[in-house]
Amino acid sequence: MATLVGTSGWQYRDWRGVIYPQGVPQRLWLETYAETFATVESNNAFYRLPSAELFASWRERTPDGFVMAVKASRFLTHIKRLAEPEEPVERLMGAVAGLGDKLGPILLQLPPNLKADPGKLDRCLSCFPGRVRVAVEFRHESWWTDETRKVLRAREAALCWADRLGRPQNPFWDTASWGYVRLHEGRATPRPSYGDMSLRSWARRVREAGWRDAYVYFNNDPGGAAVRNARRFATLV
């Protein structure tokens, strides 16, 4: 199994001194990040979709084999709420095409107040090209049904396994041959770090999942916790 470990984003000022040496300008942070990690989740695309040209520049600035996952625009997930997904998905795919072979999975993080609608989910997933991997992070408990699981499996879409404060936010369904994990916030000191016991537990889950590929991203960015936890996690898997 190939396991890629990274962080959710890389442009954090308080990471200076953690992963970015003093004196390294912000314009070189992506290159510096890619010296440590082989993947990153671009979550700024959620707030404002970058242009194809910007995605292409990120492709050119990173080494061979680097992978960038992309969090889908909130226009699709939070404003349209998966309704009429054809145009938003087409626009998204047009932009991320700039990444070429460095494009990783697309993450759909649904609003916490979006209740289950498997038909709408299936229509949205059907809009993505078959070669593109899509992970879905549900945040309303009504989604935990056999119908939801069937839609994900039929589309080879991964259920995002998420953690917050040491508590899994989802059932551990295997809905695809690959997996996607997001670790949002740990309980260790300094907060929001994950302690070693929690990291070991998640590493065991990932190893035992039986996925062909796994993408693991730490979203606990304050103070560089994500960097330290991702480095440690990579040694455990």
C-alpha atoms as a PDB file:
ATOM      1  CA  MET A   1       0.000   0.000   0.000  1.00  0.00           C
ATOM      2  CA  ALA A   2       1.213   3.484  -0.861  1.00  0.00           C
ATOM      3  CA  THR A   3       0.467   5.973   1.909  1.00  0.00           C
ATOM      4  CA  LEU A   4       0.913   9.672   1.219  1.00  0.00           C
ATOM      5  CA  VAL A   5       0.975  11.932   4.292  1.00  0.00           C
ATOM      6  CA  GLY A   6       0.801  15.718   4.314  1.00  0.00           C
ATOM      7  CA  THR A   7      -1.068  18.719   5.638  1.00  0.00           C
ATOM      8  CA  SER A   8      -4.192  20.665   4.707  1.00  0.00           C
ATOM      9  CA  GLY A   9      -2.595  23.721   3.160  1.00  0.00           C
ATOM     10  CA  TRP A  10       0.944  25.063   3.423  1.00  0.00           C
ATOM     11  CA  GLN A  11       0.660  28.867   3.599  1.00  0.00           C
ATOM     12  CA  TYR A  12       0.681  29.475   7.355  1.00  0.00           C
ATOM     13  CA  ARG A  13       2.813  32.237   8.829  1.00  0.00           C
ATOM     14  CA  ASP A  14       3.236  30.468  12.163  1.00  0.00           C
ATOM     15  CA  TRP A  15       4.985  27.591  10.398  1.00  0.00           C
ATOM     16  CA  ARG A  16       8.067  29.772  10.036  1.00  0.00           C
ATOM     17  CA  GLY A  17      10.679  28.117  12.189  1.00  0.00           C
ATOM     18  CA  VAL A  18       8.770  24.804  12.107  1.00  0.00           C
ATOM     19  CA  ILE A  19       9.156  23.860   8.444  1.00  0.00           C
ATOM     20  CA  TYR A  20      10.133  27.185   6.842  1.00  0.00           C
ATOM     21  CA  PRO A  21      13.553  28.438   7.943  1.00  0.00           C
ATOM     22  CA  GLN A  22      13.926  32.085   8.810  1.00  0.00           C
ATOM     23  CA  GLY A  23      14.898  33.970   5.690  1.00  0.00           C
ATOM     24  CA  VAL A  24      13.061  31.729   3.219  1.00  0.00           C
ATOM     25  CA  PRO A  25      10.571  33.994   1.400  1.00  0.00           C
ATOM     26  CA  GLN A  26       6.904  33.022   1.256  1.00  0.00           C
ATOM     27  CA  ARG A  27       7.114  32.618  -2.521  1.00  0.00           C
ATOM     28  CA  LEU A  28       9.360  29.587  -1.920  1.00  0.00           C
ATOM     29  CA  TRP A  29       7.275  27.947   0.777  1.00  0.00           C
ATOM     30  CA  LEU A  30       5.709  25.359  -1.545  1.00  0.00           C
ATOM     31  CA  GLU A  31       9.122  24.231  -2.772  1.00  0.00           C
ATOM     32  CA  THR A  32      10.354  24.050   0.821  1.00  0.00           C
ATOM     33  CA  TYR A  33       7.244  22.131   1.911  1.00  0.00           C
ATOM     34  CA  ALA A  34       7.764  19.611  -0.927  1.00  0.00           C
ATOM     35  CA  GLU A  35      11.223  18.810   0.413  1.00  0.00           C
ATOM     36  CA  THR A  36       9.520  17.197   3.431  1.00  0.00           C
ATOM     37  CA  PHE A  37       6.146  15.953   2.193  1.00  0.00           C
ATOM     38  CA  ALA A  38       5.069  14.250  -1.041  1.00  0.00           C
ATOM     39  CA  THR A  39       1.502  15.538  -0.915  1.00  0.00           C
ATOM     40  CA  VAL A  40      -0.609  18.480   0.201  1.00  0.00           C
ATOM     41  CA  GLU A  41      -4.316  19.219   0.350  1.00  0.00           C
ATOM     42  CA  SER A  42      -5.141  22.551  -1.305  1.00  0.00           C
ATOM     43  CA  ASN A  43      -7.941  23.814   0.909  1.00  0.00           C
ATOM     44  CA  ASN A  44      -7.807  27.435  -0.269  1.00  0.00           C
ATOM     45  CA  ALA A  45      -9.683  26.252  -3.369  1.00  0.00           C
ATOM     46  CA  PHE A  46     -12.716  25.895  -1.082  1.00  0.00           C
ATOM     47  CA  TYR A  47     -12.848  29.663  -0.562  1.00  0.00           C
ATOM     48  CA  ARG A  48     -11.693  30.814  -3.982  1.00  0.00           C
ATOM     49  CA  LEU A  49     -10.982  28.490  -6.884  1.00  0.00           C
ATOM     50  CA  PRO A  50      -7.483  29.167  -8.250  1.00  0.00           C
ATOM     51  CA  SER A  51      -6.997  29.533 -11.993  1.00  0.00           C
ATOM     52  CA  ALA A  52      -5.688  26.734 -14.174  1.00  0.00           C
ATOM     53  CA  GLU A  53      -2.545  28.839 -14.583  1.00  0.00           C
ATOM     54  CA  LEU A  54      -1.943  28.955 -10.832  1.00  0.00           C
ATOM     55  CA  PHE A  55      -2.471  25.211 -10.510  1.00  0.00           C
ATOM     56  CA  ALA A  56      -0.019  24.765 -13.406  1.00  0.00           C
ATOM     57  CA  SER A  57       2.564  26.899 -11.596  1.00  0.00           C
ATOM     58  CA  TRP A  58       2.210  24.695  -8.512  1.00  0.00           C
ATOM     59  CA  ARG A  59       2.760  21.656 -10.728  1.00  0.00           C
ATOM     60  CA  GLU A  60       5.934  23.184 -12.134  1.00  0.00           C
ATOM     61  CA  ARG A  61       7.264  24.163  -8.709  1.00  0.00           C
ATOM     62  CA  THR A  62       6.972  20.708  -7.146  1.00  0.00           C
ATOM     63  CA  PRO A  63       9.083  17.589  -7.780  1.00  0.00           C
ATOM     64  CA  ASP A  64       8.104  14.549  -9.813  1.00  0.00           C
ATOM     65  CA  GLY A  65       5.696  12.324  -7.916  1.00  0.00           C
ATOM     66  CA  PHE A  66       4.253  15.132  -5.810  1.00  0.00           C
ATOM     67  CA  VAL A  67       0.462  14.924  -5.394  1.00  0.00           C
ATOM     68  CA  MET A  68      -1.983  17.739  -4.652  1.00  0.00           C
ATOM     69  CA  ALA A  69      -5.469  16.917  -3.392  1.00  0.00           C
ATOM     70  CA  VAL A  70      -8.015  19.704  -3.899  1.00  0.00           C
ATOM     71  CA  LYS A  71     -10.915  20.647  -1.639  1.00  0.00           C
ATOM     72  CA  ALA A  72     -13.857  21.454  -3.903  1.00  0.00           C
ATOM     73  CA  SER A  73     -15.253  24.975  -3.988  1.00  0.00           C
ATOM     74  CA  ARG A  74     -17.857  25.879  -1.379  1.00  0.00           C
ATOM     75  CA  PHE A  75     -20.012  27.081  -4.289  1.00  0.00           C
ATOM     76  CA  LEU A  76     -20.636  23.421  -5.118  1.00  0.00           C
ATOM     77  CA  THR A  77     -20.905  22.039  -1.596  1.00  0.00           C
ATOM     78  CA  HIS A  78     -22.212  24.877   0.581  1.00  0.00           C
ATOM     79  CA  ILE A  79     -24.024  27.306  -1.721  1.00  0.00           C
ATOM     80  CA  LYS A  80     -25.469  24.934  -4.329  1.00  0.00           C
ATOM     81  CA  ARG A  81     -25.473  22.134  -1.727  1.00  0.00           C
ATOM     82  CA  LEU A  82     -24.781  19.582  -4.500  1.00  0.00           C
ATOM     83  CA  ALA A  83     -27.770  20.779  -6.569  1.00  0.00           C
ATOM     84  CA  GLU A  84     -27.229  21.263 -10.316  1.00  0.00           C
ATOM     85  CA  PRO A  85     -23.605  20.124 -10.015  1.00  0.00           C
ATOM     86  CA  GLU A  86     -22.739  19.939 -13.712  1.00  0.00           C
ATOM     87  CA  GLU A  87     -21.411  23.481 -14.222  1.00  0.00           C
ATOM     88  CA  PRO A  88     -19.547  23.805 -10.884  1.00  0.00           C
ATOM     89  CA  VAL A  89     -17.839  20.437 -11.400  1.00  0.00           C
ATOM     90  CA  GLU A  90     -16.915  21.319 -14.983  1.00  0.00           C
ATOM     91  CA  ARG A  91     -15.413  24.617 -13.797  1.00  0.00           C
ATOM     92  CA  LEU A  92     -13.503  22.848 -11.018  1.00  0.00           C
ATOM     93  CA  MET A  93     -12.102  20.224 -13.362  1.00  0.00           C
ATOM     94  CA  GLY A  94     -11.101  22.890 -15.864  1.00  0.00           C
ATOM     95  CA  ALA A  95      -9.036  24.626 -13.195  1.00  0.00           C
ATOM     96  CA  VAL A  96      -7.369  21.573 -11.640  1.00  0.00           C
ATOM     97  CA  ALA A  97      -6.414  20.341 -15.103  1.00  0.00           C
ATOM     98  CA  GLY A  98      -3.440  22.641 -14.631  1.00  0.00           C
ATOM     99  CA  LEU A  99      -1.997  20.110 -12.167  1.00  0.00           C
ATOM    100  CA  GLY A 100      -1.762  17.443 -14.849  1.00  0.00           C
ATOM    101  CA  ASP A 101      -0.538  14.117 -13.449  1.00  0.00           C
ATOM    102  CA  LYS A 102       0.031  15.695 -10.019  1.00  0.00           C
ATOM    103  CA  LEU A 103      -3.715  15.945  -9.370  1.00  0.00           C
ATOM    104  CA  GLY A 104      -4.742  13.830  -6.412  1.00  0.00           C
ATOM    105  CA  PRO A 105      -8.257  13.258  -5.069  1.00  0.00           C
ATOM    106  CA  ILE A 106     -10.983  15.885  -5.024  1.00  0.00           C
ATOM    107  CA  LEU A 107     -12.510  16.329  -1.568  1.00  0.00           C
ATOM    108  CA  LEU A 108     -16.180  17.173  -1.170  1.00  0.00           C
ATOM    109  CA  GLN A 109     -16.684  18.397   2.405  1.00  0.00           C
ATOM    110  CA  LEU A 110     -20.418  18.733   2.955  1.00  0.00           C
ATOM    111  CA  PRO A 111     -22.008  21.279   5.323  1.00  0.00           C
ATOM    112  CA  PRO A 112     -22.882  19.981   8.801  1.00  0.00           C
ATOM    113  CA  ASN A 113     -26.541  20.901   8.219  1.00  0.00           C
ATOM    114  CA  LEU A 114     -26.840  19.163   4.834  1.00  0.00           C
ATOM    115  CA  LYS A 115     -29.032  16.127   5.423  1.00  0.00           C
ATOM    116  CA  ALA A 116     -28.789  12.936   3.410  1.00  0.00           C
ATOM    117  CA  ASP A 117     -29.878  12.976  -0.218  1.00  0.00           C
ATOM    118  CA  PRO A 118     -28.234   9.972  -1.900  1.00  0.00           C
ATOM    119  CA  GLY A 119     -29.784  10.822  -5.265  1.00  0.00           C
ATOM    120  CA  LYS A 120     -28.248  14.290  -5.258  1.00  0.00           C
ATOM    121  CA  LEU A 121     -24.910  12.824  -4.166  1.00  0.00           C
ATOM    122  CA  ASP A 122     -24.976  10.281  -6.981  1.00  0.00           C
ATOM    123  CA  ARG A 123     -25.743  12.964  -9.571  1.00  0.00           C
ATOM    124  CA  CYS A 124     -22.820  15.045  -8.318  1.00  0.00           C
ATOM    125  CA  LEU A 125     -20.361  12.145  -8.314  1.00  0.00           C
ATOM    126  CA  SER A 126     -21.453  11.176 -11.834  1.00  0.00           C
ATOM    127  CA  CYS A 127     -20.208  14.542 -13.118  1.00  0.00           C
ATOM    128  CA  PHE A 128     -16.584  13.783 -12.335  1.00  0.00           C
ATOM    129  CA  PRO A 129     -14.449  12.052 -14.975  1.00  0.00           C
ATOM    130  CA  GLY A 130     -13.905   8.379 -14.221  1.00  0.00           C
ATOM    131  CA  ARG A 131     -10.156   8.836 -13.867  1.00  0.00           C
ATOM    132  CA  VAL A 132     -10.602  11.337 -11.012  1.00  0.00           C
ATOM    133  CA  ARG A 133     -10.736  10.118  -7.424  1.00  0.00           C
ATOM    134  CA  VAL A 134     -13.368  11.778  -5.232  1.00  0.00           C
ATOM    135  CA  ALA A 135     -13.612  11.602  -1.435  1.00  0.00           C
ATOM    136  CA  VAL A 136     -16.662  12.768   0.506  1.00  0.00           C
ATOM    137  CA  GLU A 137     -16.614  14.108   4.073  1.00  0.00           C
ATOM    138  CA  PHE A 138     -20.143  13.932   5.486  1.00  0.00           C
ATOM    139  CA  ARG A 139     -20.967  15.953   8.591  1.00  0.00           C
ATOM    140  CA  HIS A 140     -24.614  15.088   9.236  1.00  0.00           C
ATOM    141  CA  GLU A 141     -25.485  11.759  10.823  1.00  0.00           C
ATOM    142  CA  SER A 142     -28.406  11.141   8.453  1.00  0.00           C
ATOM    143  CA  TRP A 143     -25.891  10.071   5.764  1.00  0.00           C
ATOM    144  CA  TRP A 144     -24.946   6.887   7.611  1.00  0.00           C
ATOM    145  CA  THR A 145     -27.219   4.536   5.659  1.00  0.00           C
ATOM    146  CA  ASP A 146     -26.800   1.561   3.340  1.00  0.00           C
ATOM    147  CA  GLU A 147     -28.049   3.717   0.468  1.00  0.00           C
ATOM    148  CA  THR A 148     -25.231   6.215   0.972  1.00  0.00           C
ATOM    149  CA  ARG A 149     -22.691   3.425   1.119  1.00  0.00           C
ATOM    150  CA  LYS A 150     -24.032   1.905  -2.096  1.00  0.00           C
ATOM    151  CA  VAL A 151     -23.720   5.216  -3.950  1.00  0.00           C
ATOM    152  CA  LEU A 152     -20.117   5.652  -2.838  1.00  0.00           C
ATOM    153  CA  ARG A 153     -19.198   2.101  -3.794  1.00  0.00           C
ATOM    154  CA  ALA A 154     -20.875   2.331  -7.179  1.00  0.00           C
ATOM    155  CA  ARG A 155     -18.898   5.487  -7.965  1.00  0.00           C
ATOM    156  CA  GLU A 156     -15.613   4.216  -6.409  1.00  0.00           C
ATOM    157  CA  ALA A 157     -15.724   7.280  -4.161  1.00  0.00           C
ATOM    158  CA  ALA A 158     -13.993   7.151  -0.787  1.00  0.00           C
ATOM    159  CA  LEU A 159     -15.725   7.942   2.465  1.00  0.00           C
ATOM    160  CA  CYS A 160     -13.435  10.429   4.199  1.00  0.00           C
ATOM    161  CA  TRP A 161     -12.410   9.120   7.592  1.00  0.00           C
ATOM    162  CA  ALA A 162     -12.200  12.149   9.863  1.00  0.00           C
ATOM    163  CA  ASP A 163     -11.138  12.753  13.458  1.00  0.00           C
ATOM    164  CA  ARG A 164     -11.798  15.623  15.833  1.00  0.00           C
ATOM    165  CA  LEU A 165     -10.506  15.671  19.408  1.00  0.00           C
ATOM    166  CA  GLY A 166      -9.686  11.983  19.253  1.00  0.00           C
ATOM    167  CA  ARG A 167     -13.187  10.979  18.184  1.00  0.00           C
ATOM    168  CA  PRO A 168     -13.882   9.445  14.761  1.00  0.00           C
ATOM    169  CA  GLN A 169     -16.555  11.429  12.934  1.00  0.00           C
ATOM    170  CA  ASN A 170     -17.772   8.574  10.735  1.00  0.00           C
ATOM    171  CA  PRO A 171     -18.268   4.822  10.510  1.00  0.00           C
ATOM    172  CA  PHE A 172     -15.225   3.028   9.102  1.00  0.00           C
ATOM    173  CA  TRP A 173     -16.685   2.087   5.744  1.00  0.00           C
ATOM    174  CA  ASP A 174     -14.452   0.873   2.937  1.00  0.00           C
ATOM    175  CA  THR A 175     -16.223   2.202  -0.139  1.00  0.00           C
ATOM    176  CA  ALA A 176     -13.297   2.336  -2.567  1.00  0.00           C
ATOM    177  CA  SER A 177      -9.980   0.634  -3.238  1.00  0.00           C
ATOM    178  CA  TRP A 178      -8.272   3.707  -1.809  1.00  0.00           C
ATOM    179  CA  GLY A 179      -8.769   5.795   1.312  1.00  0.00           C
ATOM    180  CA  TYR A 180      -8.793   9.406   2.474  1.00  0.00           C
ATOM    181  CA  VAL A 181      -8.204  10.537   6.072  1.00  0.00           C
ATOM    182  CA  ARG A 182      -8.420  14.019   7.639  1.00  0.00           C
ATOM    183  CA  LEU A 183      -7.242  14.677  11.198  1.00  0.00           C
ATOM    184  CA  HIS A 184      -8.700  18.006  12.284  1.00  0.00           C
ATOM    185  CA  GLU A 185      -7.827  18.553  15.929  1.00  0.00           C
ATOM    186  CA  GLY A 186      -6.013  16.620  18.625  1.00  0.00           C
ATOM    187  CA  ARG A 187      -6.220  16.849  22.400  1.00  0.00           C
ATOM    188  CA  ALA A 188      -2.540  16.677  23.277  1.00  0.00           C
ATOM    189  CA  THR A 189      -0.346  19.533  24.507  1.00  0.00           C
ATOM    190  CA  PRO A 190       0.303  21.903  22.877  1.00  0.00           C
ATOM    191  CA  ARG A 191      -3.190  22.011  21.402  1.00  0.00           C
ATOM    192  CA  PRO A 192      -4.316  21.107  18.810  1.00  0.00           C
ATOM    193  CA  SER A 193      -1.610  18.409  18.557  1.00  0.00           C
ATOM    194  CA  TYR A 194      -2.257  14.683  18.430  1.00  0.00           C
ATOM    195  CA  GLY A 195      -0.511  12.545  21.033  1.00  0.00           C
ATOM    196  CA  ASP A 196       1.550   9.535  20.061  1.00  0.00           C
ATOM    197  CA  MET A 197      -1.076   7.041  21.211  1.00  0.00           C
ATOM    198  CA  SER A 198      -3.695   8.634  18.964  1.00  0.00           C
ATOM    199  CA  LEU A 199      -1.295   8.756  16.031  1.00  0.00           C
ATOM    200  CA  ARG A 200      -0.461   5.083  16.510  1.00  0.00           C
ATOM    201  CA  SER A 201      -4.166   4.184  16.598  1.00  0.00           C
ATOM    202  CA  TRP A 202      -4.812   6.002  13.333  1.00  0.00           C
ATOM    203  CA  ALA A 203      -1.727   4.509  11.724  1.00  0.00           C
ATOM    204  CA  ARG A 204      -3.002   1.054  12.625  1.00  0.00           C
ATOM    205  CA  ARG A 205      -6.415   1.832  11.123  1.00  0.00           C
ATOM    206  CA  VAL A 206      -4.817   2.978   7.886  1.00  0.00           C
ATOM    207  CA  ARG A 207      -2.501  -0.039   7.675  1.00  0.00           C
ATOM    208  CA  GLU A 208      -5.346  -2.480   8.333  1.00  0.00           C
ATOM    209  CA  ALA A 209      -7.826  -0.876   5.926  1.00  0.00           C
ATOM    210  CA  GLY A 210      -6.530  -2.844   2.963  1.00  0.00           C
ATOM    211  CA  TRP A 211      -6.507   0.143   0.615  1.00  0.00           C
ATOM    212  CA  ARG A 212      -4.311   0.232  -2.468  1.00  0.00           C
ATOM    213  CA  ASP A 213      -3.477   3.894  -1.767  1.00  0.00           C
ATOM    214  CA  ALA A 214      -4.116   6.123   1.235  1.00  0.00           C
ATOM    215  CA  TYR A 215      -4.054   9.907   1.497  1.00  0.00           C
ATOM    216  CA  VAL A 216      -3.713  11.295   5.034  1.00  0.00           C
ATOM    217  CA  TYR A 217      -3.891  15.023   5.795  1.00  0.00           C
ATOM    218  CA  PHE A 218      -3.462  16.868   9.084  1.00  0.00           C
ATOM    219  CA  ASN A 219      -5.690  19.932   9.359  1.00  0.00           C
ATOM    220  CA  ASN A 220      -4.565  21.001  12.854  1.00  0.00           C
ATOM    221  CA  ASP A 221      -2.369  23.776  11.486  1.00  0.00           C
ATOM    222  CA  PRO A 222      -2.034  26.236  14.466  1.00  0.00           C
ATOM    223  CA  GLY A 223       1.503  26.467  15.756  1.00  0.00           C
ATOM    224  CA  GLY A 224       2.787  23.934  13.252  1.00  0.00           C
ATOM    225  CA  ALA A 225       1.068  21.004  14.979  1.00  0.00           C
ATOM    226  CA  ALA A 226       0.082  19.573  11.593  1.00  0.00           C
ATOM    227  CA  VAL A 227       3.692  19.536  10.423  1.00  0.00           C
ATOM    228  CA  ARG A 228       4.989  17.776  13.527  1.00  0.00           C
ATOM    229  CA  ASN A 229       2.123  15.255  13.554  1.00  0.00           C
ATOM    230  CA  ALA A 230       2.405  14.507   9.831  1.00  0.00           C
ATOM    231  CA  ARG A 231       6.130  13.885  10.133  1.00  0.00           C
ATOM    232  CA  ARG A 232       5.578  11.489  13.015  1.00  0.00           C
ATOM    233  CA  PHE A 233       2.640   9.762  11.320  1.00  0.00           C
ATOM    234  CA  ALA A 234       4.712   9.138   8.193  1.00  0.00           C
ATOM    235  CA  THR A 235       7.222   7.166  10.277  1.00  0.00           C
ATOM    236  CA  LEU A 236       4.421   5.070  11.788  1.00  0.00           C
ATOM    237  CA  VAL A 237       2.891   3.965   8.488  1.00  0.00           C
END
